[in-house]
Amino acid sequence: METPAQRQEKRLAKNAEEKRKKEQSKKREKKSLRYTVLMVPNNAHRVLQFHISFDFVIIATIVLIAAIGFTALYIADITMKNQDMQEIISQQEVAVSELEDQTTVLQAEIEDMEASLHEAKVTIDANKNLKQQEEEKQTEETKPTSLPVDNASALPSEYTEEKQYVEFTTGMGTRVLATADGVVKSIVQEADHPELGYIVTVDHGNSYSSVYMMPILPQVNEGDKVARGTTLFTVDQDNLKLAYKIMINDIPVDPMEVMKIDG
């Protein structure tokens, strides 16, 4: 006779066996689970039929999810790179704009400098021309081109290398004049040639000097500044000779080559 405990044990064993059989049955059903896919064309002449297992669906789903994930990551990476590239392009555009602004400013400064340089050049050229004119004027003023007498009764004698001067014949009241602006450099009384009398040398600057030799007392002193036409001697008798000499760098030259006889 079975005891209650034995009956209980048999019942538990029977339940466990039934549970095991159900699980095996479910596994068989799961393994045998298949999906049928029908493809029906528009003309419906032929129906295409495919059988897909459950495992294939699971794998395909996993692959699809993975592909979507990788695609999303790729798109996100491309998007971030595009954003970075766009930011770099924006920065470069800003830098280019700043460089263009700086170039415009520099170009304006260069144009201002060129204008200033042009004005400076014009001013320098004008000053140079003015200075040159003043120097030419000063040179002309200091060049002994005038006649040394205000009233000569005859043309001067011929210049020779022996005498190295020309002579003017003067009359009563004739004035011997400085032939250009300058300074009385020296007044010497010639003892060896008393017919020459006093020798007055006027330094005109600019390498020119003129020498006046008359046997009468001069009316200027050493160191006096004289202008063109200043009286150096006043003739007090007729037929006195003025010996006149011009020197350039202390070398005698023919006065007729320097003087302007026509005024």
Protein backbone atom coordinates (compact mmCIF):
# COMPACT_ATOMS: atom_id res chain seq x y z
CA MET A 1 0.00 0.00 0.00
CA GLU A 2 1.45 3.46 -1.06
CA THR A 3 1.98 6.01 1.54
CA PRO A 4 0.88 9.61 1.09
CA ALA A 5 4.48 10.66 0.69
CA GLN A 6 5.00 8.17 -2.16
CA ARG A 7 1.87 9.35 -3.89
CA GLN A 8 3.04 12.94 -3.53
CA GLU A 9 6.42 12.06 -4.97
CA LYS A 10 4.83 10.26 -7.95
CA ARG A 11 2.58 13.26 -8.59
CA LEU A 12 5.54 15.68 -8.56
CA ALA A 13 7.49 13.39 -10.86
CA LYS A 14 4.53 13.18 -13.25
CA ASN A 15 4.16 16.99 -13.26
CA ALA A 16 7.86 17.44 -13.92
CA GLU A 17 7.67 14.94 -16.85
CA GLU A 18 4.69 16.73 -18.35
CA LYS A 19 6.45 20.10 -18.00
CA ARG A 20 9.53 18.66 -19.71
CA LYS A 21 7.48 17.30 -22.58
CA LYS A 22 5.71 20.66 -23.03
CA GLU A 23 9.06 22.50 -23.17
CA GLN A 24 10.42 20.04 -25.73
CA SER A 25 7.22 20.46 -27.74
CA LYS A 26 7.62 24.27 -27.66
CA LYS A 27 11.23 23.97 -28.75
CA ARG A 28 10.25 21.75 -31.66
CA GLU A 29 7.52 24.22 -32.58
CA LYS A 30 9.97 27.14 -32.34
CA LYS A 31 12.51 25.31 -34.47
CA SER A 32 9.92 24.42 -36.99
CA LEU A 33 8.50 28.01 -37.05
CA ARG A 34 8.78 29.35 -40.57
CA TYR A 35 7.44 32.42 -42.40
CA THR A 36 6.11 32.32 -45.88
CA VAL A 37 6.60 35.39 -48.06
CA LEU A 38 4.42 35.75 -51.12
CA MET A 39 5.34 38.06 -54.02
CA VAL A 40 2.39 38.72 -56.31
CA PRO A 41 3.16 40.57 -59.57
CA ASN A 42 0.69 43.04 -61.05
CA ASN A 43 -0.43 40.61 -63.74
CA ALA A 44 -0.98 37.92 -61.06
CA HIS A 45 -0.04 35.18 -63.54
CA ARG A 46 2.49 33.76 -61.17
CA VAL A 47 2.95 34.02 -57.45
CA LEU A 48 6.46 33.82 -56.05
CA GLN A 49 6.71 32.14 -52.69
CA PHE A 50 9.62 32.18 -50.21
CA HIS A 51 9.95 30.40 -46.90
CA ILE A 52 11.95 32.19 -44.21
CA SER A 53 12.84 30.64 -40.89
CA PHE A 54 12.50 32.47 -37.61
CA ASP A 55 16.25 32.36 -37.03
CA PHE A 56 16.81 34.06 -40.38
CA VAL A 57 14.39 36.79 -39.39
CA ILE A 58 16.26 37.30 -36.11
CA ILE A 59 19.64 37.44 -37.85
CA ALA A 60 18.33 39.72 -40.58
CA THR A 61 16.82 42.01 -37.96
CA ILE A 62 20.12 42.15 -36.05
CA VAL A 63 22.05 42.84 -39.26
CA LEU A 64 19.57 45.56 -40.24
CA ILE A 65 19.78 47.19 -36.82
CA ALA A 66 23.59 47.03 -36.95
CA ALA A 67 23.61 48.52 -40.46
CA ILE A 68 21.28 51.30 -39.36
CA GLY A 69 23.52 51.95 -36.34
CA PHE A 70 26.69 52.07 -38.39
CA THR A 71 24.98 54.27 -40.95
CA ALA A 72 23.80 56.62 -38.21
CA LEU A 73 27.33 56.75 -36.75
CA TYR A 74 28.78 57.40 -40.22
CA ILE A 75 26.27 60.14 -40.91
CA ALA A 76 26.95 61.67 -37.49
CA ASP A 77 30.72 61.56 -38.14
CA ILE A 78 30.29 63.10 -41.61
CA THR A 79 28.00 65.75 -40.13
CA MET A 80 30.54 66.63 -37.42
CA LYS A 81 33.34 66.77 -39.99
CA ASN A 82 31.20 68.98 -42.23
CA GLN A 83 30.49 71.24 -39.28
CA ASP A 84 34.20 71.42 -38.46
CA MET A 85 35.01 72.11 -42.11
CA GLN A 86 32.32 74.76 -42.27
CA GLU A 87 33.73 76.40 -39.16
CA ILE A 88 37.24 76.32 -40.65
CA ILE A 89 35.89 77.82 -43.90
CA SER A 90 34.09 80.53 -41.91
CA GLN A 91 37.29 81.33 -40.00
CA GLN A 92 39.24 81.47 -43.25
CA GLU A 93 36.61 83.73 -44.80
CA VAL A 94 36.87 86.04 -41.78
CA ALA A 95 40.67 86.00 -42.07
CA VAL A 96 40.47 86.73 -45.81
CA SER A 97 38.03 89.58 -45.15
CA GLU A 98 40.37 91.04 -42.52
CA LEU A 99 43.31 90.72 -44.93
CA GLU A 100 41.29 92.45 -47.64
CA ASP A 101 40.45 95.27 -45.22
CA GLN A 102 44.11 95.56 -44.24
CA THR A 103 45.10 95.52 -47.91
CA THR A 104 42.61 98.31 -48.62
CA VAL A 105 44.01 100.36 -45.73
CA LEU A 106 47.59 99.72 -46.86
CA GLN A 107 46.70 100.62 -50.43
CA ALA A 108 45.18 103.88 -49.23
CA GLU A 109 48.30 104.57 -47.14
CA ILE A 110 50.52 103.78 -50.13
CA GLU A 111 48.49 106.14 -52.30
CA ASP A 112 48.79 108.84 -49.62
CA MET A 113 52.54 108.24 -49.42
CA GLU A 114 52.86 108.37 -53.19
CA ALA A 115 50.90 111.62 -53.23
CA SER A 116 53.10 113.01 -50.44
CA LEU A 117 56.23 111.86 -52.26
CA HIS A 118 54.98 113.49 -55.47
CA GLU A 119 54.28 116.74 -53.62
CA ALA A 120 57.69 116.52 -51.93
CA LYS A 121 59.34 115.87 -55.30
CA VAL A 122 57.51 118.82 -56.84
CA THR A 123 58.56 121.00 -53.90
CA ILE A 124 62.15 119.76 -54.07
CA ASP A 125 62.30 120.32 -57.83
CA ALA A 126 60.82 123.78 -57.41
CA ASN A 127 63.30 124.61 -54.63
CA LYS A 128 66.09 123.14 -56.71
CA ASN A 129 65.12 125.23 -59.71
CA LEU A 130 64.74 128.30 -57.52
CA LYS A 131 68.13 127.65 -55.93
CA GLN A 132 69.65 127.10 -59.35
CA GLN A 133 68.12 130.34 -60.59
CA GLU A 134 69.40 132.17 -57.52
CA GLU A 135 72.84 130.65 -57.99
CA GLU A 136 72.80 131.60 -61.67
CA LYS A 137 71.64 135.07 -60.74
CA GLN A 138 74.29 135.31 -58.06
CA THR A 139 76.88 133.95 -60.47
CA GLU A 140 75.80 136.50 -63.04
CA GLU A 141 75.91 139.26 -60.44
CA THR A 142 79.39 138.22 -59.36
CA LYS A 143 80.68 137.70 -62.87
CA PRO A 144 82.59 140.81 -64.01
CA THR A 145 80.75 141.36 -67.28
CA SER A 146 80.34 145.16 -67.11
CA LEU A 147 82.66 147.77 -68.56
CA PRO A 148 85.11 149.14 -65.97
CA VAL A 149 84.55 152.77 -67.05
CA ASP A 150 81.43 154.85 -67.54
CA ASN A 151 82.90 156.90 -70.37
CA ALA A 152 85.65 155.48 -72.52
CA SER A 153 86.95 157.59 -75.40
CA ALA A 154 88.11 154.50 -77.33
CA LEU A 155 87.87 150.74 -77.36
CA PRO A 156 90.31 148.90 -75.10
CA SER A 157 93.68 147.79 -76.34
CA GLU A 158 94.30 144.23 -77.42
CA TYR A 159 94.95 141.57 -74.78
CA THR A 160 98.40 139.91 -74.99
CA GLU A 161 100.01 137.12 -73.03
CA GLU A 162 102.85 139.51 -72.23
CA LYS A 163 100.73 142.22 -70.55
CA GLN A 164 97.76 140.00 -69.63
CA TYR A 165 95.46 143.02 -69.35
CA VAL A 166 93.70 145.55 -71.56
CA GLU A 167 93.89 149.36 -71.41
CA PHE A 168 91.10 151.93 -71.57
CA THR A 169 91.85 155.59 -72.35
CA THR A 170 89.88 157.83 -70.00
CA GLY A 171 89.15 161.57 -69.83
CA MET A 172 88.42 164.14 -67.14
CA GLY A 173 85.55 163.04 -64.90
CA THR A 174 85.47 159.45 -66.06
CA ARG A 175 84.61 157.04 -63.27
CA VAL A 176 86.29 153.66 -62.95
CA LEU A 177 83.61 151.23 -61.82
CA ALA A 178 83.50 147.80 -60.17
CA THR A 179 82.45 145.37 -62.87
CA ALA A 180 80.49 143.11 -60.50
CA ASP A 181 79.57 142.70 -56.81
CA GLY A 182 82.43 141.75 -54.54
CA VAL A 183 84.89 142.74 -51.82
CA VAL A 184 88.03 144.85 -52.16
CA LYS A 185 90.67 142.22 -51.55
CA SER A 186 93.75 144.41 -51.73
CA ILE A 187 95.05 147.86 -52.69
CA VAL A 188 98.72 147.96 -53.66
CA GLN A 189 100.83 150.86 -54.90
CA GLU A 190 103.13 149.55 -57.62
CA ALA A 191 106.63 150.89 -56.95
CA ASP A 192 108.31 149.15 -59.88
CA HIS A 193 105.75 150.41 -62.38
CA PRO A 194 104.68 153.88 -61.24
CA GLU A 195 102.72 154.38 -64.46
CA LEU A 196 100.26 151.75 -63.14
CA GLY A 197 99.85 153.64 -59.86
CA TYR A 198 97.47 151.91 -57.50
CA ILE A 199 96.36 148.31 -58.08
CA VAL A 200 92.90 147.57 -56.68
CA THR A 201 91.86 143.88 -56.65
CA VAL A 202 88.18 143.02 -56.17
CA ASP A 203 87.24 139.44 -55.25
CA HIS A 204 83.86 138.62 -56.78
CA GLY A 205 83.67 135.10 -55.43
CA ASN A 206 82.76 132.21 -57.67
CA SER A 207 86.44 132.03 -58.74
CA TYR A 208 86.35 135.49 -60.39
CA SER A 209 88.41 138.54 -59.48
CA SER A 210 89.07 141.81 -61.29
CA VAL A 211 92.11 144.10 -61.11
CA TYR A 212 92.07 147.89 -61.75
CA MET A 213 95.33 149.80 -62.19
CA MET A 214 95.27 153.62 -62.24
CA PRO A 215 97.90 156.28 -61.41
CA ILE A 216 95.46 158.11 -59.10
CA LEU A 217 94.25 157.62 -55.55
CA PRO A 218 91.43 155.04 -55.22
CA GLN A 219 88.17 155.91 -53.50
CA VAL A 220 87.76 152.58 -51.70
CA ASN A 221 89.64 150.76 -48.98
CA GLU A 222 90.63 147.15 -48.42
CA GLY A 223 87.74 145.08 -47.08
CA ASP A 224 85.03 147.35 -48.54
CA LYS A 225 82.02 145.63 -50.09
CA VAL A 226 81.30 146.94 -53.55
CA ALA A 227 78.41 146.47 -55.92
CA ARG A 228 78.38 146.44 -59.67
CA GLY A 229 78.91 150.09 -60.68
CA THR A 230 80.58 151.22 -57.43
CA THR A 231 83.11 154.00 -58.15
CA LEU A 232 86.68 152.87 -57.52
CA PHE A 233 88.52 155.84 -59.10
CA THR A 234 87.47 159.23 -60.47
CA VAL A 235 89.73 160.48 -63.27
CA ASP A 236 90.96 164.06 -62.72
CA GLN A 237 92.76 164.60 -66.05
CA ASP A 238 92.56 163.60 -69.67
CA ASN A 239 94.25 160.71 -71.43
CA LEU A 240 94.87 158.57 -68.37
CA LYS A 241 95.17 154.83 -68.99
CA LEU A 242 93.20 152.24 -66.99
CA ALA A 243 94.85 148.83 -67.06
CA TYR A 244 92.13 146.23 -66.46
CA LYS A 245 92.61 142.55 -65.75
CA ILE A 246 90.23 139.63 -65.08
CA MET A 247 91.35 136.42 -63.39
CA ILE A 248 89.62 133.08 -62.93
CA ASN A 249 91.12 131.02 -60.11
CA ASP A 250 93.99 133.53 -60.08
CA ILE A 251 94.76 132.83 -63.75
CA PRO A 252 94.53 135.84 -66.10
CA VAL A 253 92.05 135.61 -68.98
CA ASP A 254 91.17 137.95 -71.81
CA PRO A 255 88.64 140.46 -70.36
CA MET A 256 87.05 140.84 -73.79
CA GLU A 257 85.85 137.22 -73.50
CA VAL A 258 84.04 138.01 -70.24
CA MET A 259 82.82 141.59 -70.68
CA LYS A 260 79.58 142.46 -72.43
CA ILE A 261 80.56 145.47 -74.48
CA ASP A 262 76.98 146.08 -75.66
CA GLY A 263 75.82 146.66 -72.06
